[in-house]
Amino acid sequence: MTESGPDPWPRGGGPLEPRLQRTLHLAYAVDGVVAVRVWQWGPNVAIGVRGSGASSPADLVRRVEAAVAGLREPGEAWDFGVLEEPACGSPTEVT
């Protein structure tokens, strides 16, 4: 992938577990998604997305949540949010 396109692969770490890779692929497949970040710690998963502006952030998050719903396992807590784009152009936080 080019630097300007989606980058679903981890930077500097080892390979992602297959389920988290699948989470990224499903989230990127949602129309309007231009960036996705996934974090996992224990039974918690957080997904941040950034859209192209073609739809509202709330609608985008709802559609991503629906797209990955089948990957949830019992006892897990999944949180979803919108990635902010700082002045440098690299999304870094979920709000």
PDB file of N, CA and C in Angstrom:
ATOM      1  N   MET A   1       0.838  -1.186   0.000  1.00  0.00           N
ATOM      2  CA  MET A   1       0.000   0.000   0.000  1.00  0.00           C
ATOM      3  C   MET A   1       0.876   1.240   0.000  1.00  0.00           C
ATOM      4  N   THR A   2       0.359   2.305  -0.516  1.00  0.00           N
ATOM      5  CA  THR A   2       1.120   3.537  -0.555  1.00  0.00           C
ATOM      6  C   THR A   2       0.999   4.249   0.784  1.00  0.00           C
ATOM      7  N   GLU A   3       1.882   5.209   0.992  1.00  0.00           N
ATOM      8  CA  GLU A   3       1.841   5.945   2.250  1.00  0.00           C
ATOM      9  C   GLU A   3       0.542   6.719   2.426  1.00  0.00           C
ATOM     10  N   SER A   4      -0.072   7.150   1.340  1.00  0.00           N
ATOM     11  CA  SER A   4      -1.297   7.934   1.473  1.00  0.00           C
ATOM     12  C   SER A   4      -2.537   7.058   1.648  1.00  0.00           C
ATOM     13  N   GLY A   5      -2.414   5.756   1.386  1.00  0.00           N
ATOM     14  CA  GLY A   5      -3.554   4.852   1.511  1.00  0.00           C
ATOM     15  C   GLY A   5      -3.652   4.265   2.904  1.00  0.00           C
ATOM     16  N   PRO A   6      -4.669   3.449   3.123  1.00  0.00           N
ATOM     17  CA  PRO A   6      -4.847   2.796   4.419  1.00  0.00           C
ATOM     18  C   PRO A   6      -3.644   1.926   4.768  1.00  0.00           C
ATOM     19  N   ASP A   7      -3.299   1.888   6.030  1.00  0.00           N
ATOM     20  CA  ASP A   7      -2.164   1.103   6.497  1.00  0.00           C
ATOM     21  C   ASP A   7      -2.637   0.178   7.610  1.00  0.00           C
ATOM     22  N   PRO A   8      -3.179  -0.996   7.275  1.00  0.00           N
ATOM     23  CA  PRO A   8      -3.735  -1.868   8.304  1.00  0.00           C
ATOM     24  C   PRO A   8      -2.707  -2.727   9.023  1.00  0.00           C
ATOM     25  N   TRP A   9      -1.430  -2.512   8.807  1.00  0.00           N
ATOM     26  CA  TRP A   9      -0.411  -3.368   9.403  1.00  0.00           C
ATOM     27  C   TRP A   9       0.267  -2.655  10.551  1.00  0.00           C
ATOM     28  N   PRO A  10       0.663  -3.390  11.596  1.00  0.00           N
ATOM     29  CA  PRO A  10       1.278  -2.772  12.767  1.00  0.00           C
ATOM     30  C   PRO A  10       2.638  -2.188  12.434  1.00  0.00           C
ATOM     31  N   ARG A  11       2.991  -1.147  13.134  1.00  0.00           N
ATOM     32  CA  ARG A  11       4.297  -0.516  12.946  1.00  0.00           C
ATOM     33  C   ARG A  11       5.196  -0.881  14.111  1.00  0.00           C
ATOM     34  N   GLY A  12       6.297  -1.535  13.813  1.00  0.00           N
ATOM     35  CA  GLY A  12       7.297  -1.809  14.823  1.00  0.00           C
ATOM     36  C   GLY A  12       7.004  -3.001  15.709  1.00  0.00           C
ATOM     37  N   GLY A  13       5.788  -3.500  15.754  1.00  0.00           N
ATOM     38  CA  GLY A  13       5.454  -4.639  16.595  1.00  0.00           C
ATOM     39  C   GLY A  13       5.443  -5.920  15.793  1.00  0.00           C
ATOM     40  N   GLY A  14       5.124  -6.981  16.463  1.00  0.00           N
ATOM     41  CA  GLY A  14       5.000  -8.265  15.791  1.00  0.00           C
ATOM     42  C   GLY A  14       3.705  -8.324  15.022  1.00  0.00           C
ATOM     43  N   PRO A  15       3.464  -9.446  14.396  1.00  0.00           N
ATOM     44  CA  PRO A  15       2.223  -9.585  13.622  1.00  0.00           C
ATOM     45  C   PRO A  15       0.995  -9.572  14.535  1.00  0.00           C
ATOM     46  N   LEU A  16      -0.091  -9.042  14.019  1.00  0.00           N
ATOM     47  CA  LEU A  16      -1.348  -9.035  14.764  1.00  0.00           C
ATOM     48  C   LEU A  16      -1.941 -10.435  14.786  1.00  0.00           C
ATOM     49  N   GLU A  17      -2.693 -10.718  15.843  1.00  0.00           N
ATOM     50  CA  GLU A  17      -3.403 -11.993  15.854  1.00  0.00           C
ATOM     51  C   GLU A  17      -4.449 -11.965  14.741  1.00  0.00           C
ATOM     52  N   PRO A  18      -4.790 -13.124  14.189  1.00  0.00           N
ATOM     53  CA  PRO A  18      -5.701 -13.178  13.042  1.00  0.00           C
ATOM     54  C   PRO A  18      -7.035 -12.463  13.255  1.00  0.00           C
ATOM     55  N   ARG A  19      -7.590 -12.534  14.446  1.00  0.00           N
ATOM     56  CA  ARG A  19      -8.890 -11.884  14.681  1.00  0.00           C
ATOM     57  C   ARG A  19      -8.768 -10.364  14.597  1.00  0.00           C
ATOM     58  N   LEU A  20      -7.667  -9.810  15.087  1.00  0.00           N
ATOM     59  CA  LEU A  20      -7.491  -8.362  14.984  1.00  0.00           C
ATOM     60  C   LEU A  20      -7.210  -7.949  13.544  1.00  0.00           C
ATOM     61  N   GLN A  21      -6.493  -8.772  12.798  1.00  0.00           N
ATOM     62  CA  GLN A  21      -6.300  -8.501  11.372  1.00  0.00           C
ATOM     63  C   GLN A  21      -7.653  -8.485  10.662  1.00  0.00           C
ATOM     64  N   ARG A  22      -8.502  -9.456  10.994  1.00  0.00           N
ATOM     65  CA  ARG A  22      -9.837  -9.526  10.386  1.00  0.00           C
ATOM     66  C   ARG A  22     -10.664  -8.298  10.767  1.00  0.00           C
ATOM     67  N   THR A  23     -10.513  -7.833  12.001  1.00  0.00           N
ATOM     68  CA  THR A  23     -11.201  -6.621  12.446  1.00  0.00           C
ATOM     69  C   THR A  23     -10.805  -5.441  11.571  1.00  0.00           C
ATOM     70  N   LEU A  24      -9.512  -5.294  11.325  1.00  0.00           N
ATOM     71  CA  LEU A  24      -9.039  -4.206  10.465  1.00  0.00           C
ATOM     72  C   LEU A  24      -9.606  -4.326   9.055  1.00  0.00           C
ATOM     73  N   HIS A  25      -9.554  -5.515   8.493  1.00  0.00           N
ATOM     74  CA  HIS A  25     -10.048  -5.716   7.130  1.00  0.00           C
ATOM     75  C   HIS A  25     -11.542  -5.397   7.023  1.00  0.00           C
ATOM     76  N   LEU A  26     -12.319  -5.844   8.002  1.00  0.00           N
ATOM     77  CA  LEU A  26     -13.761  -5.577   7.975  1.00  0.00           C
ATOM     78  C   LEU A  26     -14.049  -4.086   8.138  1.00  0.00           C
ATOM     79  N   ALA A  27     -13.308  -3.428   9.011  1.00  0.00           N
ATOM     80  CA  ALA A  27     -13.527  -1.995   9.232  1.00  0.00           C
ATOM     81  C   ALA A  27     -13.144  -1.194   7.992  1.00  0.00           C
ATOM     82  N   TYR A  28     -12.023  -1.542   7.353  1.00  0.00           N
ATOM     83  CA  TYR A  28     -11.620  -0.830   6.140  1.00  0.00           C
ATOM     84  C   TYR A  28     -12.592  -1.074   4.989  1.00  0.00           C
ATOM     85  N   ALA A  29     -13.333  -2.167   5.033  1.00  0.00           N
ATOM     86  CA  ALA A  29     -14.294  -2.471   3.966  1.00  0.00           C
ATOM     87  C   ALA A  29     -15.561  -1.617   4.065  1.00  0.00           C
ATOM     88  N   VAL A  30     -15.766  -0.945   5.180  1.00  0.00           N
ATOM     89  CA  VAL A  30     -16.940  -0.084   5.346  1.00  0.00           C
ATOM     90  C   VAL A  30     -16.751   1.166   4.486  1.00  0.00           C
ATOM     91  N   ASP A  31     -17.744   1.464   3.683  1.00  0.00           N
ATOM     92  CA  ASP A  31     -17.689   2.605   2.777  1.00  0.00           C
ATOM     93  C   ASP A  31     -17.434   3.898   3.552  1.00  0.00           C
ATOM     94  N   GLY A  32     -16.423   4.648   3.133  1.00  0.00           N
ATOM     95  CA  GLY A  32     -16.108   5.927   3.751  1.00  0.00           C
ATOM     96  C   GLY A  32     -14.998   5.876   4.780  1.00  0.00           C
ATOM     97  N   VAL A  33     -14.559   4.707   5.194  1.00  0.00           N
ATOM     98  CA  VAL A  33     -13.479   4.587   6.184  1.00  0.00           C
ATOM     99  C   VAL A  33     -12.140   4.837   5.493  1.00  0.00           C
ATOM    100  N   VAL A  34     -11.337   5.744   6.051  1.00  0.00           N
ATOM    101  CA  VAL A  34     -10.010   6.012   5.494  1.00  0.00           C
ATOM    102  C   VAL A  34      -8.882   5.659   6.461  1.00  0.00           C
ATOM    103  N   ALA A  35      -9.200   5.481   7.749  1.00  0.00           N
ATOM    104  CA  ALA A  35      -8.182   5.081   8.728  1.00  0.00           C
ATOM    105  C   ALA A  35      -8.842   4.296   9.851  1.00  0.00           C
ATOM    106  N   VAL A  36      -8.134   3.277  10.320  1.00  0.00           N
ATOM    107  CA  VAL A  36      -8.617   2.451  11.436  1.00  0.00           C
ATOM    108  C   VAL A  36      -7.434   2.146  12.343  1.00  0.00           C
ATOM    109  N   ARG A  37      -7.665   2.196  13.630  1.00  0.00           N
ATOM    110  CA  ARG A  37      -6.682   1.751  14.621  1.00  0.00           C
ATOM    111  C   ARG A  37      -7.419   0.831  15.579  1.00  0.00           C
ATOM    112  N   VAL A  38      -6.747  -0.259  15.964  1.00  0.00           N
ATOM    113  CA  VAL A  38      -7.337  -1.223  16.894  1.00  0.00           C
ATOM    114  C   VAL A  38      -6.357  -1.443  18.033  1.00  0.00           C
ATOM    115  N   TRP A  39      -6.878  -1.396  19.244  1.00  0.00           N
ATOM    116  CA  TRP A  39      -6.092  -1.673  20.439  1.00  0.00           C
ATOM    117  C   TRP A  39      -6.759  -2.804  21.195  1.00  0.00           C
ATOM    118  N   GLN A  40      -5.948  -3.696  21.767  1.00  0.00           N
ATOM    119  CA  GLN A  40      -6.490  -4.757  22.616  1.00  0.00           C
ATOM    120  C   GLN A  40      -5.637  -4.864  23.865  1.00  0.00           C
ATOM    121  N   TRP A  41      -6.313  -4.941  24.998  1.00  0.00           N
ATOM    122  CA  TRP A  41      -5.649  -5.180  26.272  1.00  0.00           C
ATOM    123  C   TRP A  41      -6.597  -6.031  27.093  1.00  0.00           C
ATOM    124  N   GLY A  42      -6.138  -7.215  27.416  1.00  0.00           N
ATOM    125  CA  GLY A  42      -6.989  -8.158  28.135  1.00  0.00           C
ATOM    126  C   GLY A  42      -8.271  -8.419  27.365  1.00  0.00           C
ATOM    127  N   PRO A  43      -9.419  -8.365  28.052  1.00  0.00           N
ATOM    128  CA  PRO A  43     -10.697  -8.618  27.380  1.00  0.00           C
ATOM    129  C   PRO A  43     -11.296  -7.358  26.743  1.00  0.00           C
ATOM    130  N   ASN A  44     -10.497  -6.317  26.570  1.00  0.00           N
ATOM    131  CA  ASN A  44     -10.976  -5.047  26.033  1.00  0.00           C
ATOM    132  C   ASN A  44     -10.419  -4.804  24.635  1.00  0.00           C
ATOM    133  N   VAL A  45     -11.268  -4.299  23.754  1.00  0.00           N
ATOM    134  CA  VAL A  45     -10.860  -3.935  22.402  1.00  0.00           C
ATOM    135  C   VAL A  45     -11.401  -2.535  22.133  1.00  0.00           C
ATOM    136  N   ALA A  46     -10.560  -1.688  21.574  1.00  0.00           N
ATOM    137  CA  ALA A  46     -10.997  -0.349  21.182  1.00  0.00           C
ATOM    138  C   ALA A  46     -10.703  -0.171  19.698  1.00  0.00           C
ATOM    139  N   ILE A  47     -11.649   0.407  18.990  1.00  0.00           N
ATOM    140  CA  ILE A  47     -11.501   0.647  17.562  1.00  0.00           C
ATOM    141  C   ILE A  47     -11.765   2.123  17.298  1.00  0.00           C
ATOM    142  N   GLY A  48     -10.800   2.775  16.677  1.00  0.00           N
ATOM    143  CA  GLY A  48     -10.960   4.162  16.264  1.00  0.00           C
ATOM    144  C   GLY A  48     -10.980   4.232  14.754  1.00  0.00           C
ATOM    145  N   VAL A  49     -11.882   5.027  14.205  1.00  0.00           N
ATOM    146  CA  VAL A  49     -11.999   5.156  12.759  1.00  0.00           C
ATOM    147  C   VAL A  49     -12.005   6.628  12.353  1.00  0.00           C
ATOM    148  N   ARG A  50     -11.547   6.870  11.143  1.00  0.00           N
ATOM    149  CA  ARG A  50     -11.637   8.201  10.547  1.00  0.00           C
ATOM    150  C   ARG A  50     -12.276   8.027   9.185  1.00  0.00           C
ATOM    151  N   GLY A  51     -13.215   8.898   8.869  1.00  0.00           N
ATOM    152  CA  GLY A  51     -13.942   8.792   7.609  1.00  0.00           C
ATOM    153  C   GLY A  51     -13.535   9.831   6.596  1.00  0.00           C
ATOM    154  N   SER A  52     -14.053   9.655   5.408  1.00  0.00           N
ATOM    155  CA  SER A  52     -13.747  10.545   4.289  1.00  0.00           C
ATOM    156  C   SER A  52     -14.575  11.822   4.321  1.00  0.00           C
ATOM    157  N   GLY A  53     -15.544  11.888   5.178  1.00  0.00           N
ATOM    158  CA  GLY A  53     -16.419  13.049   5.235  1.00  0.00           C
ATOM    159  C   GLY A  53     -17.712  12.847   4.473  1.00  0.00           C
ATOM    160  N   ALA A  54     -17.848  11.695   3.799  1.00  0.00           N
ATOM    161  CA  ALA A  54     -19.063  11.413   3.038  1.00  0.00           C
ATOM    162  C   ALA A  54     -20.245  11.089   3.944  1.00  0.00           C
ATOM    163  N   SER A  55     -19.964  10.695   5.190  1.00  0.00           N
ATOM    164  CA  SER A  55     -21.042  10.416   6.137  1.00  0.00           C
ATOM    165  C   SER A  55     -20.667  10.995   7.491  1.00  0.00           C
ATOM    166  N   SER A  56     -21.648  11.089   8.369  1.00  0.00           N
ATOM    167  CA  SER A  56     -21.383  11.653   9.689  1.00  0.00           C
ATOM    168  C   SER A  56     -20.507  10.684  10.495  1.00  0.00           C
ATOM    169  N   PRO A  57     -19.696  11.197  11.404  1.00  0.00           N
ATOM    170  CA  PRO A  57     -18.875  10.315  12.235  1.00  0.00           C
ATOM    171  C   PRO A  57     -19.702   9.294  13.010  1.00  0.00           C
ATOM    172  N   ALA A  58     -20.869   9.697  13.518  1.00  0.00           N
ATOM    173  CA  ALA A  58     -21.713   8.769  14.280  1.00  0.00           C
ATOM    174  C   ALA A  58     -22.203   7.630  13.394  1.00  0.00           C
ATOM    175  N   ASP A  59     -22.586   7.946  12.160  1.00  0.00           N
ATOM    176  CA  ASP A  59     -23.037   6.914  11.231  1.00  0.00           C
ATOM    177  C   ASP A  59     -21.894   5.979  10.862  1.00  0.00           C
ATOM    178  N   LEU A  60     -20.718   6.529  10.646  1.00  0.00           N
ATOM    179  CA  LEU A  60     -19.554   5.713  10.299  1.00  0.00           C
ATOM    180  C   LEU A  60     -19.227   4.744  11.427  1.00  0.00           C
ATOM    181  N   VAL A  61     -19.196   5.232  12.652  1.00  0.00           N
ATOM    182  CA  VAL A  61     -18.909   4.374  13.808  1.00  0.00           C
ATOM    183  C   VAL A  61     -19.967   3.284  13.929  1.00  0.00           C
ATOM    184  N   ARG A  62     -21.227   3.633  13.733  1.00  0.00           N
ATOM    185  CA  ARG A  62     -22.306   2.640  13.812  1.00  0.00           C
ATOM    186  C   ARG A  62     -22.116   1.543  12.768  1.00  0.00           C
ATOM    187  N   ARG A  63     -21.751   1.925  11.539  1.00  0.00           N
ATOM    188  CA  ARG A  63     -21.569   0.934  10.477  1.00  0.00           C
ATOM    189  C   ARG A  63     -20.339   0.055  10.714  1.00  0.00           C
ATOM    190  N   VAL A  64     -19.270   0.629  11.256  1.00  0.00           N
ATOM    191  CA  VAL A  64     -18.087  -0.176  11.586  1.00  0.00           C
ATOM    192  C   VAL A  64     -18.426  -1.142  12.719  1.00  0.00           C
ATOM    193  N   GLU A  65     -19.135  -0.656  13.724  1.00  0.00           N
ATOM    194  CA  GLU A  65     -19.537  -1.515  14.835  1.00  0.00           C
ATOM    195  C   GLU A  65     -20.358  -2.704  14.326  1.00  0.00           C
ATOM    196  N   ALA A  66     -21.276  -2.461  13.414  1.00  0.00           N
ATOM    197  CA  ALA A  66     -22.086  -3.544  12.847  1.00  0.00           C
ATOM    198  C   ALA A  66     -21.227  -4.502  12.026  1.00  0.00           C
ATOM    199  N   ALA A  67     -20.243  -3.981  11.305  1.00  0.00           N
ATOM    200  CA  ALA A  67     -19.401  -4.816  10.441  1.00  0.00           C
ATOM    201  C   ALA A  67     -18.541  -5.795  11.228  1.00  0.00           C
ATOM    202  N   VAL A  68     -18.119  -5.411  12.419  1.00  0.00           N
ATOM    203  CA  VAL A  68     -17.220  -6.275  13.201  1.00  0.00           C
ATOM    204  C   VAL A  68     -17.931  -7.008  14.332  1.00  0.00           C
ATOM    205  N   ALA A  69     -19.231  -6.851  14.456  1.00  0.00           N
ATOM    206  CA  ALA A  69     -19.987  -7.431  15.574  1.00  0.00           C
ATOM    207  C   ALA A  69     -19.796  -8.939  15.698  1.00  0.00           C
ATOM    208  N   GLY A  70     -19.674  -9.630  14.596  1.00  0.00           N
ATOM    209  CA  GLY A  70     -19.527 -11.080  14.625  1.00  0.00           C
ATOM    210  C   GLY A  70     -18.201 -11.560  15.195  1.00  0.00           C
ATOM    211  N   LEU A  71     -17.244 -10.661  15.385  1.00  0.00           N
ATOM    212  CA  LEU A  71     -15.935 -11.047  15.919  1.00  0.00           C
ATOM    213  C   LEU A  71     -15.863 -10.985  17.444  1.00  0.00           C
ATOM    214  N   ARG A  72     -16.842 -10.368  18.051  1.00  0.00           N
ATOM    215  CA  ARG A  72     -16.835 -10.252  19.522  1.00  0.00           C
ATOM    216  C   ARG A  72     -16.961 -11.616  20.165  1.00  0.00           C
ATOM    217  N   GLU A  73     -16.241 -11.776  21.259  1.00  0.00           N
ATOM    218  CA  GLU A  73     -16.329 -13.009  22.034  1.00  0.00           C
ATOM    219  C   GLU A  73     -17.005 -12.697  23.363  1.00  0.00           C
ATOM    220  N   PRO A  74     -17.672 -13.677  23.964  1.00  0.00           N
ATOM    221  CA  PRO A  74     -18.336 -13.449  25.249  1.00  0.00           C
ATOM    222  C   PRO A  74     -17.356 -12.896  26.291  1.00  0.00           C
ATOM    223  N   GLY A  75     -17.810 -11.924  27.044  1.00  0.00           N
ATOM    224  CA  GLY A  75     -17.000 -11.344  28.111  1.00  0.00           C
ATOM    225  C   GLY A  75     -16.099 -10.200  27.674  1.00  0.00           C
ATOM    226  N   GLU A  76     -16.062  -9.899  26.396  1.00  0.00           N
ATOM    227  CA  GLU A  76     -15.226  -8.797  25.919  1.00  0.00           C
ATOM    228  C   GLU A  76     -15.996  -7.484  25.949  1.00  0.00           C
ATOM    229  N   ALA A  77     -15.267  -6.414  26.164  1.00  0.00           N
ATOM    230  CA  ALA A  77     -15.833  -5.068  26.076  1.00  0.00           C
ATOM    231  C   ALA A  77     -15.201  -4.378  24.877  1.00  0.00           C
ATOM    232  N   TRP A  78     -16.024  -3.969  23.916  1.00  0.00           N
ATOM    233  CA  TRP A  78     -15.544  -3.277  22.722  1.00  0.00           C
ATOM    234  C   TRP A  78     -16.011  -1.832  22.774  1.00  0.00           C
ATOM    235  N   ASP A  79     -15.091  -0.908  22.540  1.00  0.00           N
ATOM    236  CA  ASP A  79     -15.407   0.517  22.484  1.00  0.00           C
ATOM    237  C   ASP A  79     -15.053   1.040  21.101  1.00  0.00           C
ATOM    238  N   PHE A  80     -15.860   1.973  20.609  1.00  0.00           N
ATOM    239  CA  PHE A  80     -15.673   2.536  19.286  1.00  0.00           C
ATOM    240  C   PHE A  80     -15.611   4.052  19.387  1.00  0.00           C
ATOM    241  N   GLY A  81     -14.805   4.668  18.542  1.00  0.00           N
ATOM    242  CA  GLY A  81     -14.711   6.120  18.538  1.00  0.00           C
ATOM    243  C   GLY A  81     -14.173   6.639  17.226  1.00  0.00           C
ATOM    244  N   VAL A  82     -14.037   7.950  17.164  1.00  0.00           N
ATOM    245  CA  VAL A  82     -13.571   8.634  15.972  1.00  0.00           C
ATOM    246  C   VAL A  82     -12.133   9.079  16.201  1.00  0.00           C
ATOM    247  N   LEU A  83     -11.252   8.782  15.252  1.00  0.00           N
ATOM    248  CA  LEU A  83      -9.866   9.232  15.327  1.00  0.00           C
ATOM    249  C   LEU A  83      -9.801  10.711  14.982  1.00  0.00           C
ATOM    250  N   GLU A  84      -9.086  11.455  15.777  1.00  0.00           N
ATOM    251  CA  GLU A  84      -8.842  12.866  15.491  1.00  0.00           C
ATOM    252  C   GLU A  84      -7.623  12.952  14.593  1.00  0.00           C
ATOM    253  N   GLU A  85      -7.613  13.911  13.706  1.00  0.00           N
ATOM    254  CA  GLU A  85      -6.476  14.104  12.823  1.00  0.00           C
ATOM    255  C   GLU A  85      -5.727  15.357  13.267  1.00  0.00           C
ATOM    256  N   PRO A  86      -4.551  15.179  13.907  1.00  0.00           N
ATOM    257  CA  PRO A  86      -3.775  16.342  14.332  1.00  0.00           C
ATOM    258  C   PRO A  86      -3.183  17.076  13.127  1.00  0.00           C
ATOM    259  N   ALA A  87      -2.602  18.220  13.386  1.00  0.00           N
ATOM    260  CA  ALA A  87      -2.061  19.070  12.317  1.00  0.00           C
ATOM    261  C   ALA A  87      -1.035  18.340  11.458  1.00  0.00           C
ATOM    262  N   CYS A  88      -0.312  17.377  12.027  1.00  0.00           N
ATOM    263  CA  CYS A  88       0.717  16.667  11.255  1.00  0.00           C
ATOM    264  C   CYS A  88       0.101  15.666  10.290  1.00  0.00           C
ATOM    265  N   GLY A  89      -1.208  15.397  10.399  1.00  0.00           N
ATOM    266  CA  GLY A  89      -1.885  14.520   9.460  1.00  0.00           C
ATOM    267  C   GLY A  89      -1.874  13.057   9.825  1.00  0.00           C
ATOM    268  N   SER A  90      -1.407  12.719  11.017  1.00  0.00           N
ATOM    269  CA  SER A  90      -1.357  11.320  11.437  1.00  0.00           C
ATOM    270  C   SER A  90      -2.299  11.109  12.604  1.00  0.00           C
ATOM    271  N   PRO A  91      -3.352  10.283  12.446  1.00  0.00           N
ATOM    272  CA  PRO A  91      -4.305  10.088  13.552  1.00  0.00           C
ATOM    273  C   PRO A  91      -3.629   9.403  14.724  1.00  0.00           C
ATOM    274  N   THR A  92      -3.873   9.924  15.946  1.00  0.00           N
ATOM    275  CA  THR A  92      -3.189   9.368  17.102  1.00  0.00           C
ATOM    276  C   THR A  92      -4.095   9.081  18.282  1.00  0.00           C
ATOM    277  N   GLU A  93      -5.292   9.592  18.343  1.00  0.00           N
ATOM    278  CA  GLU A  93      -6.095   9.359  19.532  1.00  0.00           C
ATOM    279  C   GLU A  93      -7.550   9.106  19.194  1.00  0.00           C
ATOM    280  N   VAL A  94      -8.203   8.422  20.099  1.00  0.00           N
ATOM    281  CA  VAL A  94      -9.625   8.138  19.951  1.00  0.00           C
ATOM    282  C   VAL A  94     -10.375   9.044  20.898  1.00  0.00           C
ATOM    283  N   THR A  95     -11.437   9.661  20.398  1.00  0.00           N
ATOM    284  CA  THR A  95     -12.257  10.511  21.272  1.00  0.00           C
ATOM    285  C   THR A  95     -13.623   9.919  21.416  1.00  0.00           C
TER     286      THR A  95
END
